[in-house]
C-alpha atoms as a PDB file:
ATOM      1  CA  MET A   1      99.019  98.743  51.751  1.00  0.00           C
ATOM      2  CA  CYS A   2     102.189  99.750  49.994  1.00  0.00           C
ATOM      3  CA  GLY A   3     104.168 102.711  51.293  1.00  0.00           C
ATOM      4  CA  ASN A   4     106.064 103.404  48.072  1.00  0.00           C
ATOM      5  CA  ASP A   5     105.008 104.670  44.652  1.00  0.00           C
ATOM      6  CA  ASP A   6     107.984 104.887  42.323  1.00  0.00           C
ATOM      7  CA  HIS A   7     106.000 104.598  39.102  1.00  0.00           C
ATOM      8  CA  ASP A   8     104.673 107.005  36.559  1.00  0.00           C
ATOM      9  CA  HIS A   9     100.893 107.230  36.659  1.00  0.00           C
ATOM     10  CA  PRO A  10      99.211 106.237  33.394  1.00  0.00           C
ATOM     11  CA  GLY A  11      95.931 107.667  34.667  1.00  0.00           C
ATOM     12  CA  HIS A  12      97.365 111.150  34.367  1.00  0.00           C
ATOM     13  CA  ALA A  13      98.508 110.744  30.796  1.00  0.00           C
ATOM     14  CA  GLY A  14      95.032 111.507  29.534  1.00  0.00           C
ATOM     15  CA  LEU A  15      94.593 114.769  31.403  1.00  0.00           C
ATOM     16  CA  SER A  16      93.003 117.315  29.120  1.00  0.00           C
ATOM     17  CA  GLN A  17      94.269 120.852  28.956  1.00  0.00           C
ATOM     18  CA  GLY A  18      90.966 121.926  30.507  1.00  0.00           C
ATOM     19  CA  ALA A  19      91.383 119.570  33.472  1.00  0.00           C
ATOM     20  CA  SER A  20      94.968 120.671  33.949  1.00  0.00           C
ATOM     21  CA  ARG A  21      93.924 124.308  33.853  1.00  0.00           C
ATOM     22  CA  ARG A  22      91.137 123.729  36.388  1.00  0.00           C
ATOM     23  CA  ARG A  23      93.579 121.990  38.726  1.00  0.00           C
ATOM     24  CA  PHE A  24      96.077 124.807  38.334  1.00  0.00           C
ATOM     25  CA  LEU A  25      93.507 127.537  38.926  1.00  0.00           C
ATOM     26  CA  GLY A  26      92.237 125.779  42.049  1.00  0.00           C
ATOM     27  CA  THR A  27      95.743 125.473  43.418  1.00  0.00           C
ATOM     28  CA  ALA A  28      96.639 129.037  42.468  1.00  0.00           C
ATOM     29  CA  ALA A  29      93.589 130.372  44.268  1.00  0.00           C
ATOM     30  CA  ALA A  30      94.553 128.508  47.427  1.00  0.00           C
ATOM     31  CA  LEU A  31      98.160 129.623  47.359  1.00  0.00           C
ATOM     32  CA  GLY A  32      97.656 133.300  46.522  1.00  0.00           C
ATOM     33  CA  ALA A  33     100.764 135.446  46.792  1.00  0.00           C
ATOM     34  CA  ILE A  34     103.371 132.756  47.115  1.00  0.00           C
ATOM     35  CA  GLY A  35     106.298 135.049  46.469  1.00  0.00           C
ATOM     36  CA  GLY A  36     106.215 136.445  49.999  1.00  0.00           C
ATOM     37  CA  LEU A  37     106.403 133.148  51.848  1.00  0.00           C
ATOM     38  CA  GLY A  38     109.112 132.841  54.480  1.00  0.00           C
ATOM     39  CA  LEU A  39     111.437 129.926  55.043  1.00  0.00           C
ATOM     40  CA  ALA A  40     112.366 127.951  58.129  1.00  0.00           C
ATOM     41  CA  THR A  41     115.620 126.053  58.309  1.00  0.00           C
ATOM     42  CA  GLY A  42     114.541 123.743  61.092  1.00  0.00           C
ATOM     43  CA  GLU A  43     117.584 124.650  63.174  1.00  0.00           C
ATOM     44  CA  GLY A  44     115.434 125.294  66.212  1.00  0.00           C
ATOM     45  CA  MET A  45     113.999 121.783  65.993  1.00  0.00           C
ATOM     46  CA  LEU A  46     117.286 119.937  66.194  1.00  0.00           C
ATOM     47  CA  GLY A  47     118.087 117.908  69.245  1.00  0.00           C
ATOM     48  CA  GLY A  48     118.681 114.436  70.571  1.00  0.00           C
ATOM     49  CA  ALA A  49     121.629 112.171  69.921  1.00  0.00           C
ATOM     50  CA  GLN A  50     119.953 108.814  69.356  1.00  0.00           C
ATOM     51  CA  ALA A  51     117.702 107.403  66.684  1.00  0.00           C
ATOM     52  CA  ALA A  52     114.185 106.556  67.757  1.00  0.00           C
ATOM     53  CA  GLU A  53     113.339 103.004  68.734  1.00  0.00           C
ATOM     54  CA  LEU A  54     110.127 101.352  67.593  1.00  0.00           C
ATOM     55  CA  PRO A  55     107.604 101.528  70.434  1.00  0.00           C
ATOM     56  CA  ALA A  56     107.268  98.220  72.228  1.00  0.00           C
ATOM     57  CA  GLY A  57     103.486  98.206  72.440  1.00  0.00           C
ATOM     58  CA  GLY A  58     102.410  99.799  69.177  1.00  0.00           C
ATOM     59  CA  PRO A  59     101.997 103.391  67.999  1.00  0.00           C
ATOM     60  CA  ASP A  60     103.055 106.130  70.396  1.00  0.00           C
ATOM     61  CA  GLY A  61      99.805 108.013  70.848  1.00  0.00           C
ATOM     62  CA  SER A  62     101.359 110.536  73.199  1.00  0.00           C
ATOM     63  CA  MET A  63     103.728 112.007  70.590  1.00  0.00           C
ATOM     64  CA  THR A  64     102.721 115.425  69.266  1.00  0.00           C
ATOM     65  CA  PRO A  65     103.145 116.589  65.657  1.00  0.00           C
ATOM     66  CA  ASP A  66     105.904 118.993  66.749  1.00  0.00           C
ATOM     67  CA  GLU A  67     107.760 116.196  68.558  1.00  0.00           C
ATOM     68  CA  ALA A  68     107.512 113.989  65.474  1.00  0.00           C
ATOM     69  CA  LEU A  69     109.009 116.707  63.268  1.00  0.00           C
ATOM     70  CA  ALA A  70     111.709 117.443  65.839  1.00  0.00           C
ATOM     71  CA  GLU A  71     112.708 113.775  65.839  1.00  0.00           C
ATOM     72  CA  ILE A  72     113.302 113.573  62.096  1.00  0.00           C
ATOM     73  CA  MET A  73     115.076 116.939  61.936  1.00  0.00           C
ATOM     74  CA  ALA A  74     117.433 115.800  64.700  1.00  0.00           C
ATOM     75  CA  GLY A  75     118.091 112.714  62.587  1.00  0.00           C
ATOM     76  CA  ASN A  76     118.902 114.866  59.571  1.00  0.00           C
ATOM     77  CA  ALA A  77     121.378 116.836  61.701  1.00  0.00           C
ATOM     78  CA  ARG A  78     123.139 113.559  62.558  1.00  0.00           C
ATOM     79  CA  PHE A  79     123.160 112.570  58.879  1.00  0.00           C
ATOM     80  CA  VAL A  80     124.628 115.925  57.823  1.00  0.00           C
ATOM     81  CA  ALA A  81     127.268 115.610  60.547  1.00  0.00           C
ATOM     82  CA  GLY A  82     128.220 112.135  59.339  1.00  0.00           C
ATOM     83  CA  LYS A  83     127.104 110.539  62.605  1.00  0.00           C
ATOM     84  CA  PRO A  84     124.013 108.463  61.769  1.00  0.00           C
ATOM     85  CA  VAL A  85     123.001 105.777  64.237  1.00  0.00           C
ATOM     86  CA  ALA A  86     119.726 104.308  62.941  1.00  0.00           C
ATOM     87  CA  HIS A  87     121.453 101.709  60.786  1.00  0.00           C
ATOM     88  CA  GLN A  88     122.736 100.079  63.975  1.00  0.00           C
ATOM     89  CA  HIS A  89     119.162  99.047  64.768  1.00  0.00           C
ATOM     90  CA  ASP A  90     117.944  98.010  61.320  1.00  0.00           C
ATOM     91  CA  LEU A  91     119.155  94.423  61.163  1.00  0.00           C
ATOM     92  CA  ARG A  92     117.771  93.725  64.629  1.00  0.00           C
ATOM     93  CA  ILE A  93     114.441  95.299  63.695  1.00  0.00           C
ATOM     94  CA  ILE A  94     114.194  93.213  60.531  1.00  0.00           C
ATOM     95  CA  ARG A  95     114.992  90.069  62.488  1.00  0.00           C
ATOM     96  CA  ASP A  96     112.907  90.672  65.595  1.00  0.00           C
ATOM     97  CA  ARG A  97     110.202  93.248  64.969  1.00  0.00           C
ATOM     98  CA  ALA A  98     109.269  93.879  61.336  1.00  0.00           C
ATOM     99  CA  ALA A  99     106.852  90.950  61.098  1.00  0.00           C
ATOM    100  CA  GLU A 100     104.877  92.320  64.047  1.00  0.00           C
ATOM    101  CA  GLY A 101     103.705  95.396  62.144  1.00  0.00           C
ATOM    102  CA  GLN A 102     104.714  98.983  61.479  1.00  0.00           C
ATOM    103  CA  TRP A 103     104.565 102.013  63.767  1.00  0.00           C
ATOM    104  CA  PRO A 104     105.565 105.045  61.722  1.00  0.00           C
ATOM    105  CA  THR A 105     105.205 108.531  63.154  1.00  0.00           C
ATOM    106  CA  VAL A 106     105.973 110.628  60.059  1.00  0.00           C
ATOM    107  CA  GLY A 107     104.888 110.251  56.461  1.00  0.00           C
ATOM    108  CA  VAL A 108     107.171 111.503  53.704  1.00  0.00           C
ATOM    109  CA  LEU A 109     106.127 112.297  50.154  1.00  0.00           C
ATOM    110  CA  ALA A 110     109.443 112.368  48.303  1.00  0.00           C
ATOM    111  CA  CYS A 111     110.775 112.235  44.777  1.00  0.00           C
ATOM    112  CA  ALA A 112     111.749 108.861  43.326  1.00  0.00           C
ATOM    113  CA  ASP A 113     115.298 110.150  42.726  1.00  0.00           C
ATOM    114  CA  SER A 114     117.876 107.568  43.830  1.00  0.00           C
ATOM    115  CA  ARG A 115     119.935 110.280  45.552  1.00  0.00           C
ATOM    116  CA  VAL A 116     117.223 110.835  48.173  1.00  0.00           C
ATOM    117  CA  PRO A 117     117.356 107.839  50.552  1.00  0.00           C
ATOM    118  CA  VAL A 118     114.617 109.000  52.915  1.00  0.00           C
ATOM    119  CA  GLU A 119     115.353 106.814  55.952  1.00  0.00           C
ATOM    120  CA  MET A 120     119.048 107.671  55.749  1.00  0.00           C
ATOM    121  CA  VAL A 121     118.371 111.380  55.279  1.00  0.00           C
ATOM    122  CA  PHE A 122     116.400 111.470  58.538  1.00  0.00           C
ATOM    123  CA  ASP A 123     118.496 108.787  60.273  1.00  0.00           C
ATOM    124  CA  GLU A 124     115.390 106.796  61.128  1.00  0.00           C
ATOM    125  CA  PRO A 125     115.243 103.025  61.591  1.00  0.00           C
ATOM    126  CA  ILE A 126     113.042 100.667  59.612  1.00  0.00           C
ATOM    127  CA  GLY A 127     109.376 101.004  60.515  1.00  0.00           C
ATOM    128  CA  ARG A 128     109.524 104.643  61.615  1.00  0.00           C
ATOM    129  CA  LEU A 129     108.743 106.472  58.352  1.00  0.00           C
ATOM    130  CA  PHE A 130     105.807 105.896  56.006  1.00  0.00           C
ATOM    131  CA  THR A 131     107.275 106.844  52.644  1.00  0.00           C
ATOM    132  CA  CYS A 132     105.566 107.488  49.307  1.00  0.00           C
ATOM    133  CA  ARG A 133     107.837 108.242  46.364  1.00  0.00           C
ATOM    134  CA  ILE A 134     107.063 109.499  42.888  1.00  0.00           C
ATOM    135  CA  ALA A 135     109.027 111.589  40.382  1.00  0.00           C
ATOM    136  CA  GLY A 136     108.594 115.273  41.210  1.00  0.00           C
ATOM    137  CA  ASN A 137     107.051 114.489  44.634  1.00  0.00           C
ATOM    138  CA  ILE A 138     103.635 115.230  43.155  1.00  0.00           C
ATOM    139  CA  THR A 139     100.241 114.401  44.602  1.00  0.00           C
ATOM    140  CA  THR A 140      98.118 111.837  42.750  1.00  0.00           C
ATOM    141  CA  PRO A 141      95.002 109.956  43.909  1.00  0.00           C
ATOM    142  CA  GLU A 142      97.177 106.963  44.748  1.00  0.00           C
ATOM    143  CA  ILE A 143      99.622 109.055  46.758  1.00  0.00           C
ATOM    144  CA  ILE A 144      96.804 110.826  48.599  1.00  0.00           C
ATOM    145  CA  GLY A 145      95.093 107.523  49.385  1.00  0.00           C
ATOM    146  CA  SER A 146      98.328 106.035  50.709  1.00  0.00           C
ATOM    147  CA  LEU A 147      98.958 108.999  53.002  1.00  0.00           C
ATOM    148  CA  GLU A 148      95.336 108.973  54.165  1.00  0.00           C
ATOM    149  CA  TYR A 149      95.908 105.354  55.181  1.00  0.00           C
ATOM    150  CA  GLY A 150      98.972 106.482  57.105  1.00  0.00           C
ATOM    151  CA  VAL A 151      96.981 109.130  58.943  1.00  0.00           C
ATOM    152  CA  ALA A 152      93.704 107.268  59.535  1.00  0.00           C
ATOM    153  CA  VAL A 153      95.046 103.776  60.218  1.00  0.00           C
ATOM    154  CA  LEU A 154      98.671 104.148  61.275  1.00  0.00           C
ATOM    155  CA  GLY A 155      98.254 107.393  63.215  1.00  0.00           C
ATOM    156  CA  LEU A 156     100.908 109.552  61.527  1.00  0.00           C
ATOM    157  CA  LYS A 157     101.697 112.718  63.470  1.00  0.00           C
ATOM    158  CA  ALA A 158     103.278 114.646  60.594  1.00  0.00           C
ATOM    159  CA  ILE A 159     103.727 114.519  56.834  1.00  0.00           C
ATOM    160  CA  VAL A 160     106.697 116.083  55.061  1.00  0.00           C
ATOM    161  CA  VAL A 161     106.322 116.877  51.355  1.00  0.00           C
ATOM    162  CA  MET A 162     109.955 116.953  50.283  1.00  0.00           C
ATOM    163  CA  GLY A 163     111.458 118.126  47.025  1.00  0.00           C
ATOM    164  CA  HIS A 164     115.185 118.122  46.357  1.00  0.00           C
ATOM    165  CA  SER A 165     117.849 120.067  44.521  1.00  0.00           C
ATOM    166  CA  SER A 166     118.760 119.070  40.947  1.00  0.00           C
ATOM    167  CA  CYS A 167     115.372 117.424  40.422  1.00  0.00           C
ATOM    168  CA  GLY A 168     115.159 115.940  36.940  1.00  0.00           C
ATOM    169  CA  ALA A 169     111.349 115.989  36.887  1.00  0.00           C
ATOM    170  CA  VAL A 170     111.258 119.711  37.676  1.00  0.00           C
ATOM    171  CA  LYS A 171     113.936 120.446  35.071  1.00  0.00           C
ATOM    172  CA  SER A 172     112.040 118.485  32.424  1.00  0.00           C
ATOM    173  CA  ALA A 173     108.752 120.205  33.233  1.00  0.00           C
ATOM    174  CA  ILE A 174     110.438 123.599  32.859  1.00  0.00           C
ATOM    175  CA  GLU A 175     112.082 122.712  29.542  1.00  0.00           C
ATOM    176  CA  ASN A 176     109.062 120.685  28.307  1.00  0.00           C
ATOM    177  CA  PRO A 177     111.063 118.529  25.880  1.00  0.00           C
ATOM    178  CA  GLU A 178     109.780 115.707  23.711  1.00  0.00           C
ATOM    179  CA  VAL A 179     109.925 112.647  25.965  1.00  0.00           C
ATOM    180  CA  PRO A 180     109.109 108.980  25.365  1.00  0.00           C
ATOM    181  CA  GLY A 181     106.317 106.964  26.896  1.00  0.00           C
ATOM    182  CA  GLN A 182     104.269 108.490  29.702  1.00  0.00           C
ATOM    183  CA  ILE A 183     106.965 110.669  31.259  1.00  0.00           C
ATOM    184  CA  SER A 184     105.072 113.788  30.214  1.00  0.00           C
ATOM    185  CA  SER A 185     102.134 112.684  32.394  1.00  0.00           C
ATOM    186  CA  LEU A 186     104.098 114.152  35.306  1.00  0.00           C
ATOM    187  CA  PHE A 187     104.219 117.660  33.829  1.00  0.00           C
ATOM    188  CA  PRO A 188     100.646 118.901  34.502  1.00  0.00           C
ATOM    189  CA  SER A 189     101.122 118.490  38.256  1.00  0.00           C
ATOM    190  CA  LEU A 190     104.351 120.502  38.108  1.00  0.00           C
ATOM    191  CA  LEU A 191     103.047 123.383  35.980  1.00  0.00           C
ATOM    192  CA  PRO A 192     101.426 125.305  38.881  1.00  0.00           C
ATOM    193  CA  ALA A 193     104.819 125.653  40.580  1.00  0.00           C
ATOM    194  CA  ILE A 194     106.344 127.014  37.378  1.00  0.00           C
ATOM    195  CA  TYR A 195     103.563 129.552  36.897  1.00  0.00           C
ATOM    196  CA  LEU A 196     103.463 130.638  40.531  1.00  0.00           C
ATOM    197  CA  SER A 197     107.237 130.960  40.754  1.00  0.00           C
ATOM    198  CA  GLU A 198     107.213 133.424  37.875  1.00  0.00           C
ATOM    199  CA  SER A 199     110.621 131.960  37.154  1.00  0.00           C
ATOM    200  CA  LYS A 200     112.218 129.091  35.297  1.00  0.00           C
ATOM    201  CA  ASP A 201     114.989 128.772  37.846  1.00  0.00           C
ATOM    202  CA  PRO A 202     114.920 125.101  38.938  1.00  0.00           C
ATOM    203  CA  THR A 203     115.805 125.928  42.554  1.00  0.00           C
ATOM    204  CA  THR A 204     112.924 128.378  42.859  1.00  0.00           C
ATOM    205  CA  VAL A 205     110.472 126.055  41.133  1.00  0.00           C
ATOM    206  CA  THR A 206     111.511 123.112  43.322  1.00  0.00           C
ATOM    207  CA  ARG A 207     110.819 125.078  46.497  1.00  0.00           C
ATOM    208  CA  THR A 208     107.512 126.368  45.156  1.00  0.00           C
ATOM    209  CA  ASN A 209     106.522 122.875  44.048  1.00  0.00           C
ATOM    210  CA  ALA A 210     106.974 121.502  47.575  1.00  0.00           C
ATOM    211  CA  ILE A 211     104.547 124.173  48.812  1.00  0.00           C
ATOM    212  CA  VAL A 212     102.098 123.595  45.937  1.00  0.00           C
ATOM    213  CA  GLN A 213     102.025 119.841  46.507  1.00  0.00           C
ATOM    214  CA  THR A 214     101.545 120.352  50.256  1.00  0.00           C
ATOM    215  CA  SER A 215      98.542 122.593  49.610  1.00  0.00           C
ATOM    216  CA  THR A 216      97.135 120.191  47.022  1.00  0.00           C
ATOM    217  CA  LEU A 217      97.475 117.246  49.411  1.00  0.00           C
ATOM    218  CA  ILE A 218      95.607 119.038  52.191  1.00  0.00           C
ATOM    219  CA  ASN A 219      92.889 120.466  49.965  1.00  0.00           C
ATOM    220  CA  ALA A 220      92.252 117.137  48.236  1.00  0.00           C
ATOM    221  CA  SER A 221      91.952 115.073  51.412  1.00  0.00           C
ATOM    222  CA  PRO A 222      89.214 115.499  54.022  1.00  0.00           C
ATOM    223  CA  VAL A 223      91.034 112.906  56.139  1.00  0.00           C
ATOM    224  CA  ILE A 224      94.263 114.904  56.245  1.00  0.00           C
ATOM    225  CA  GLU A 225      92.582 118.291  56.507  1.00  0.00           C
ATOM    226  CA  GLY A 226      90.407 117.016  59.366  1.00  0.00           C
ATOM    227  CA  ALA A 227      93.409 115.683  61.290  1.00  0.00           C
ATOM    228  CA  ILE A 228      95.171 119.043  60.911  1.00  0.00           C
ATOM    229  CA  LYS A 229      92.166 120.958  62.179  1.00  0.00           C
ATOM    230  CA  ALA A 230      91.913 118.577  65.150  1.00  0.00           C
ATOM    231  CA  GLY A 231      95.534 119.339  66.057  1.00  0.00           C
ATOM    232  CA  LYS A 232      96.585 115.739  65.486  1.00  0.00           C
ATOM    233  CA  LEU A 233      98.691 116.281  62.362  1.00  0.00           C
ATOM    234  CA  LYS A 234     101.060 118.744  60.723  1.00  0.00           C
ATOM    235  CA  VAL A 235     101.850 118.770  57.006  1.00  0.00           C
ATOM    236  CA  VAL A 236     104.929 120.748  56.000  1.00  0.00           C
ATOM    237  CA  PRO A 237     106.861 121.302  52.758  1.00  0.00           C
ATOM    238  CA  ALA A 238     110.615 120.792  52.677  1.00  0.00           C
ATOM    239  CA  VAL A 239     113.592 120.667  50.328  1.00  0.00           C
ATOM    240  CA  TYR A 240     116.556 118.298  50.543  1.00  0.00           C
ATOM    241  CA  ASP A 241     119.910 119.512  49.235  1.00  0.00           C
ATOM    242  CA  VAL A 242     121.653 116.583  47.543  1.00  0.00           C
ATOM    243  CA  GLY A 243     124.981 118.395  47.856  1.00  0.00           C
ATOM    244  CA  THR A 244     124.930 119.191  51.586  1.00  0.00           C
ATOM    245  CA  SER A 245     122.494 116.441  52.719  1.00  0.00           C
ATOM    246  CA  LYS A 246     120.535 119.048  54.678  1.00  0.00           C
ATOM    247  CA  VAL A 247     116.748 119.208  54.849  1.00  0.00           C
ATOM    248  CA  GLU A 248     115.172 122.656  55.021  1.00  0.00           C
ATOM    249  CA  LEU A 249     111.589 123.015  56.208  1.00  0.00           C
ATOM    250  CA  LEU A 250     109.624 125.614  54.262  1.00  0.00           C
ATOM    251  CA  GLU A 251     107.170 127.849  56.055  1.00  0.00           C
ATOM    252  CA  ILE A 252     103.693 128.478  54.660  1.00  0.00           C
ATOM    253  CA  PRO A 253     100.794 130.455  56.134  1.00  0.00           C
ATOM    254  CA  ALA A 254      98.213 128.561  58.186  1.00  0.00           C
ATOM    255  CA  SER A 255      95.480 129.935  55.925  1.00  0.00           C
ATOM    256  CA  ILE A 256      96.994 127.994  53.037  1.00  0.00           C
ATOM    257  CA  ARG A 257      97.545 124.779  54.992  1.00  0.00           C
ATOM    258  CA  LEU A 258      93.940 124.743  56.172  1.00  0.00           C
ATOM    259  CA  ALA A 259      92.294 126.131  53.048  1.00  0.00           C
ATOM    260  CA  GLY A 260      88.909 124.568  52.334  1.00  0.00           C
ATOM    261  CA  ARG A 261      88.258 122.810  49.078  1.00  0.00           C
END
């Protein structure tokens, strides 16, 4: 099972306007009045001075979703401060532990942009994050299936759907230029964020898109939705600032996170 998806998805190239509209309307109905959503910086979740170690005996079943999120936000604080420590463990983990398996606690759906090195951003060692990457951090069947594997098999405690500033995919979807190949196959999944933002400001659309993709992920997956309802998982949207290196968690109403399909 691969944890990365850095490719365009040919299967989306053939989306009809009707299918795109149905997907948008379903997402719009779930999100409702998105303009009034509040934001959380994650400042209250910061803490700890050391990167997490891989558990010696397998997945840490005692960790809660809140503790998992607190761990990665503390890592981002170290990264922003220029004091990362996870890299000190990586060579040893590759040499001694990687062949034994993986024990991630947090899944991250991130953009494929080369300026968003997910493990570095959260100062986490190898084997701690289950990362799926695709331009525009959009949800596709392959992305959803990968994250379901992370939840059902690997026991993820949290999933972060993370957009980033200066996102080329968002900018292209807003401008809708003529593009070669299958690049335009990304646009239908980004259109709901543009419509719901009621703005063509890339910063606004990027933040809205993180929320839209979070809602889409939950509503499309009975595995993920079930884990949330059981209190075993949290799924949160976020935005990474490529200029400051800071991750900001975005707050969305529980009614949206747990919306039924």
